[in-house]
Amino acid sequence: ESTRSSDPSLLEAQVVVNRLRQSSTELARGDLPSAEAASKIAADFKRLGSVLPTWLPVHRTLDSLYQATEELTASISEAGEGTEAARRWAEKATPLVDILDSAVRQTRRQANIGAAG
């Protein structure tokens, strides 16, 4: 019996990473107002920090995503609707979300293999 296979935080983390990706895509396309996107992204980022297992080695990625999120929020607060800030955030955040997505998926796969083995 694998201890990781029963860890529901991995599934929740995957859901939150997917929401971050969706918000980032909608923001980059202009389908989501910058202020609304910043609010959703900040909430999802906070949730992600609480559900990611501490043993998952993504701390640098999370730190970078946190900085990008803070920059987005500050830019929108200063300038109202920040199209340029949104574009910069999407450019920074997309590869970071990809890293998180890959790490969570790989860990879930390994946990499932471990549980089956």
Protein backbone atom coordinates (compact mmCIF):
# COMPACT_ATOMS: atom_id res chain seq x y z
CA GLU A 1 0.00 0.00 0.00
CA SER A 2 1.48 3.33 -1.04
CA THR A 3 1.15 6.32 1.25
CA ARG A 4 1.23 8.70 -1.69
CA SER A 5 -1.54 7.01 -3.64
CA SER A 6 -4.11 8.03 -1.06
CA ASP A 7 -2.92 11.65 -0.94
CA PRO A 8 -5.93 13.66 -2.18
CA SER A 9 -3.81 16.80 -2.22
CA LEU A 10 -2.24 15.66 -5.50
CA LEU A 11 -5.60 15.59 -7.25
CA GLU A 12 -6.56 18.95 -5.73
CA ALA A 13 -3.20 20.40 -6.78
CA GLN A 14 -3.83 19.22 -10.35
CA VAL A 15 -7.25 20.90 -10.35
CA VAL A 16 -5.77 24.18 -9.10
CA VAL A 17 -2.89 24.06 -11.61
CA ASN A 18 -5.47 23.55 -14.38
CA ARG A 19 -7.44 26.59 -13.14
CA LEU A 20 -4.24 28.66 -13.13
CA ARG A 21 -3.54 27.58 -16.70
CA GLN A 22 -7.10 28.45 -17.78
CA SER A 23 -6.97 31.89 -16.14
CA SER A 24 -3.58 32.55 -17.70
CA THR A 25 -4.83 31.59 -21.16
CA GLU A 26 -8.00 33.68 -20.82
CA LEU A 27 -5.98 36.63 -19.56
CA ALA A 28 -3.49 36.40 -22.42
CA ARG A 29 -6.31 36.24 -24.99
CA GLY A 30 -8.12 39.16 -23.39
CA ASP A 31 -11.15 36.99 -22.56
CA LEU A 32 -10.87 37.78 -18.85
CA PRO A 33 -10.58 41.32 -17.45
CA SER A 34 -7.18 41.86 -15.84
CA ALA A 35 -8.53 42.69 -12.39
CA GLU A 36 -10.77 39.61 -12.35
CA ALA A 37 -7.93 37.43 -13.60
CA ALA A 38 -5.56 38.77 -10.95
CA SER A 39 -8.10 38.00 -8.25
CA LYS A 40 -8.70 34.45 -9.51
CA ILE A 41 -4.97 33.82 -9.98
CA ALA A 42 -4.09 35.10 -6.51
CA ALA A 43 -6.80 32.93 -4.92
CA ASP A 44 -5.72 29.86 -6.87
CA PHE A 45 -2.07 30.48 -6.07
CA LYS A 46 -2.90 30.70 -2.36
CA ARG A 47 -4.91 27.47 -2.61
CA LEU A 48 -2.09 25.76 -4.48
CA GLY A 49 0.32 26.63 -1.69
CA SER A 50 -1.96 24.96 0.82
CA VAL A 51 -2.60 21.73 -1.16
CA LEU A 52 0.77 20.97 -2.72
CA PRO A 53 2.54 18.26 -0.76
CA THR A 54 5.58 19.67 1.04
CA TRP A 55 7.76 16.86 -0.30
CA LEU A 56 7.13 17.88 -3.93
CA PRO A 57 10.33 19.62 -5.12
CA VAL A 58 8.83 22.70 -6.77
CA HIS A 59 9.73 25.44 -4.29
CA ARG A 60 11.73 27.56 -6.77
CA THR A 61 8.93 27.34 -9.30
CA LEU A 62 6.38 28.38 -6.68
CA ASP A 63 8.59 31.29 -5.62
CA SER A 64 8.87 32.48 -9.22
CA LEU A 65 5.14 32.13 -9.80
CA TYR A 66 4.47 34.01 -6.56
CA GLN A 67 6.69 36.89 -7.72
CA ALA A 68 4.97 37.02 -11.10
CA THR A 69 1.55 37.01 -9.40
CA GLU A 70 2.58 39.82 -7.05
CA GLU A 71 3.84 41.88 -10.00
CA LEU A 72 0.56 41.35 -11.86
CA THR A 73 -1.52 42.36 -8.85
CA ALA A 74 0.62 45.45 -8.19
CA SER A 75 0.51 46.54 -11.84
CA ILE A 76 -3.26 46.23 -12.03
CA SER A 77 -3.68 48.07 -8.71
CA GLU A 78 -1.53 50.93 -10.01
CA ALA A 79 -2.86 51.17 -13.54
CA GLY A 80 -6.41 49.83 -13.39
CA GLU A 81 -6.79 47.57 -16.39
CA GLY A 82 -3.24 46.46 -17.13
CA THR A 83 -3.11 44.86 -20.57
CA GLU A 84 0.67 45.07 -20.66
CA ALA A 85 0.90 43.70 -17.12
CA ALA A 86 -1.38 40.83 -18.12
CA ARG A 87 0.78 40.01 -21.13
CA ARG A 88 3.96 40.06 -19.02
CA TRP A 89 2.34 37.84 -16.40
CA ALA A 90 1.21 35.31 -18.99
CA GLU A 91 4.71 35.21 -20.48
CA LYS A 92 6.26 34.55 -17.07
CA ALA A 93 3.57 32.32 -15.64
CA THR A 94 2.90 29.94 -18.52
CA PRO A 95 6.24 28.09 -18.32
CA LEU A 96 5.98 28.03 -14.50
CA VAL A 97 2.49 26.55 -14.63
CA ASP A 98 3.82 24.00 -17.14
CA ILE A 99 6.53 22.97 -14.64
CA LEU A 100 4.01 22.64 -11.81
CA ASP A 101 1.64 20.69 -14.03
CA SER A 102 4.39 18.29 -15.06
CA ALA A 103 5.59 17.79 -11.48
CA VAL A 104 2.10 17.08 -10.15
CA ARG A 105 1.22 14.75 -13.05
CA GLN A 106 4.47 12.83 -12.73
CA THR A 107 4.04 12.47 -8.97
CA ARG A 108 0.46 11.27 -9.38
CA ARG A 109 1.60 8.74 -12.02
CA GLN A 110 4.38 7.46 -9.77
CA ALA A 111 1.98 7.20 -6.83
CA ASN A 112 -0.49 5.23 -8.95
CA ILE A 113 2.25 2.91 -10.20
CA GLY A 114 3.48 2.45 -6.63
CA ALA A 115 -0.03 1.62 -5.45
CA ALA A 116 -0.48 -0.93 -8.23
CA GLY A 117 2.90 -2.56 -7.69
